[in-house]
Amino acid sequence: MMQKKYIWLISIVAVIVIILIGGKIYMNSLDKSTTEDKKIENKIAKEFARTYLTPEKQEVEEITFYKAPVEQSDATGNQNYFFYVNGKEEWKAGASVNSQNNEVWAFGSDDIELIEKSDAKNIKNLKINYWEPK
């Protein structure tokens, strides 16, 4: 009778330990993907601000990512990132990123006309608001 109690106790402890270890591994993988997304978002924001002006032909001072990256359903497997410019939610744009090497290969928008700068220059005071999972 005592052996059955010990077997049950050991089984319960083993299940709890396995759940805790699995949870820790899962949380670490989430942190890693979030960190990687922030690096890519940072790269997108800087490249966009260096290359484009706002629809009012002003410098880009703020980029706000408003949605989780979305994988394309075609064979490329690229990811699309979505953001708006200078705090104006109606100025939505997006970027496609190569999923293998994280290279930003295209910017586009259905909402605004992208106006290229005549000379790409470094940006100094760019504010980046990263998308956060809720």
Protein backbone atom coordinates (compact mmCIF):
# COMPACT_ATOMS: atom_id res chain seq x y z
CA MET A 1 0.00 0.00 0.00
CA MET A 2 2.86 2.39 0.83
CA GLN A 3 4.54 1.60 -2.49
CA LYS A 4 1.47 2.77 -4.42
CA LYS A 5 1.50 6.09 -2.55
CA TYR A 6 5.18 6.61 -3.37
CA ILE A 7 4.62 5.73 -7.02
CA TRP A 8 1.74 8.24 -7.22
CA LEU A 9 3.79 10.92 -5.49
CA ILE A 10 6.79 10.36 -7.76
CA SER A 11 4.51 10.38 -10.83
CA ILE A 12 2.90 13.67 -9.84
CA VAL A 13 6.27 15.29 -9.10
CA ALA A 14 7.63 14.04 -12.46
CA VAL A 15 4.66 15.49 -14.36
CA ILE A 16 5.05 18.85 -12.60
CA VAL A 17 8.80 18.96 -13.36
CA ILE A 18 8.20 18.11 -17.03
CA ILE A 19 5.55 20.85 -17.31
CA LEU A 20 7.86 23.41 -15.69
CA ILE A 21 10.81 22.53 -17.94
CA GLY A 22 8.60 22.62 -21.05
CA GLY A 23 7.19 26.01 -20.02
CA LYS A 24 10.66 27.43 -19.49
CA ILE A 25 11.82 26.22 -22.91
CA TYR A 26 8.69 27.70 -24.53
CA MET A 27 9.15 31.08 -22.82
CA ASN A 28 12.80 31.22 -23.89
CA SER A 29 11.81 30.58 -27.51
CA LEU A 30 9.24 33.41 -27.33
CA ASP A 31 11.85 35.82 -25.95
CA LYS A 32 14.28 34.88 -28.71
CA SER A 33 11.73 35.42 -31.51
CA THR A 34 10.62 38.75 -30.00
CA THR A 35 14.23 39.94 -29.83
CA GLU A 36 14.82 38.87 -33.44
CA ASP A 37 11.65 40.69 -34.58
CA LYS A 38 12.80 43.88 -32.83
CA LYS A 39 16.16 43.73 -34.63
CA ILE A 40 14.39 43.37 -37.97
CA GLU A 41 11.91 46.16 -37.12
CA ASN A 42 14.84 48.40 -36.17
CA LYS A 43 16.53 47.69 -39.51
CA ILE A 44 13.28 48.36 -41.44
CA ALA A 45 12.66 51.65 -39.61
CA LYS A 46 16.17 53.00 -40.21
CA GLU A 47 16.19 51.99 -43.86
CA PHE A 48 12.73 53.49 -44.45
CA ALA A 49 13.66 56.77 -42.72
CA ARG A 50 16.91 57.00 -44.73
CA THR A 51 15.15 56.37 -48.05
CA TYR A 52 11.69 58.00 -47.88
CA LEU A 53 9.90 61.19 -46.89
CA THR A 54 6.41 61.49 -45.40
CA PRO A 55 3.47 62.28 -47.71
CA GLU A 56 3.92 65.91 -46.63
CA LYS A 57 7.56 65.70 -47.85
CA GLN A 58 8.96 65.93 -44.32
CA GLU A 59 11.63 63.77 -42.70
CA VAL A 60 10.47 60.54 -41.08
CA GLU A 61 10.83 61.02 -37.32
CA GLU A 62 8.78 58.13 -35.95
CA ILE A 63 7.92 54.60 -37.08
CA THR A 64 5.25 52.63 -35.23
CA PHE A 65 4.81 48.91 -35.92
CA TYR A 66 1.15 48.12 -35.39
CA LYS A 67 0.78 44.46 -36.29
CA ALA A 68 2.61 41.17 -35.93
CA PRO A 69 4.84 40.09 -38.83
CA VAL A 70 2.90 37.99 -41.34
CA GLU A 71 4.43 35.18 -43.37
CA GLN A 72 3.62 35.25 -47.07
CA SER A 73 1.70 32.27 -48.31
CA ASP A 74 3.79 31.87 -51.45
CA ALA A 75 6.91 29.73 -51.86
CA THR A 76 9.29 32.51 -50.79
CA GLY A 77 8.29 32.38 -47.14
CA ASN A 78 9.09 36.09 -46.77
CA GLN A 79 7.63 38.06 -43.89
CA ASN A 80 5.69 41.31 -44.11
CA TYR A 81 6.00 43.97 -41.41
CA PHE A 82 3.42 46.74 -41.07
CA PHE A 83 3.95 50.23 -39.67
CA TYR A 84 2.74 53.79 -39.85
CA VAL A 85 4.80 56.96 -40.09
CA ASN A 86 5.18 59.96 -37.76
CA GLY A 87 2.34 58.93 -35.48
CA LYS A 88 -0.30 59.24 -38.21
CA GLU A 89 -2.22 55.98 -38.38
CA GLU A 90 -3.53 56.81 -41.86
CA TRP A 91 0.05 56.80 -43.23
CA LYS A 92 0.40 53.02 -43.30
CA ALA A 93 3.27 51.27 -45.06
CA GLY A 94 4.88 47.87 -45.05
CA ALA A 95 8.09 46.05 -45.78
CA SER A 96 8.88 42.58 -47.07
CA VAL A 97 11.80 40.80 -45.47
CA ASN A 98 13.61 37.75 -46.82
CA SER A 99 13.10 35.05 -44.21
CA GLN A 100 16.49 33.39 -44.78
CA ASN A 101 18.82 36.38 -44.41
CA ASN A 102 16.51 39.08 -42.96
CA GLU A 103 17.23 41.38 -45.90
CA VAL A 104 14.64 44.10 -46.44
CA TRP A 105 13.84 43.87 -50.13
CA ALA A 106 10.67 45.92 -50.69
CA PHE A 107 8.63 48.74 -49.21
CA GLY A 108 5.07 49.51 -50.25
CA SER A 109 1.77 51.07 -49.31
CA ASP A 110 -1.83 51.07 -50.47
CA ASP A 111 -2.54 54.13 -48.31
CA ILE A 112 0.20 56.65 -49.16
CA GLU A 113 2.54 57.42 -52.02
CA LEU A 114 6.11 56.61 -51.03
CA ILE A 115 8.29 59.62 -51.83
CA GLU A 116 11.98 58.77 -52.24
CA LYS A 117 14.58 61.21 -50.98
CA SER A 118 16.97 62.58 -53.54
CA ASP A 119 19.84 61.59 -51.30
CA ALA A 120 19.70 58.91 -48.65
CA LYS A 121 21.21 60.22 -45.48
CA ASN A 122 21.66 58.97 -41.97
CA ILE A 123 18.91 59.67 -39.51
CA LYS A 124 19.64 60.91 -36.02
CA ASN A 125 16.49 61.19 -33.93
CA LEU A 126 14.32 58.36 -35.20
CA LYS A 127 11.80 57.08 -32.67
CA ILE A 128 10.80 53.43 -33.15
CA ASN A 129 7.73 51.95 -31.48
CA TYR A 130 7.98 48.19 -31.66
CA TRP A 131 5.02 45.86 -32.03
CA GLU A 132 4.40 43.97 -28.80
CA PRO A 133 2.35 40.78 -28.56
CA LYS A 134 -0.68 41.15 -26.31
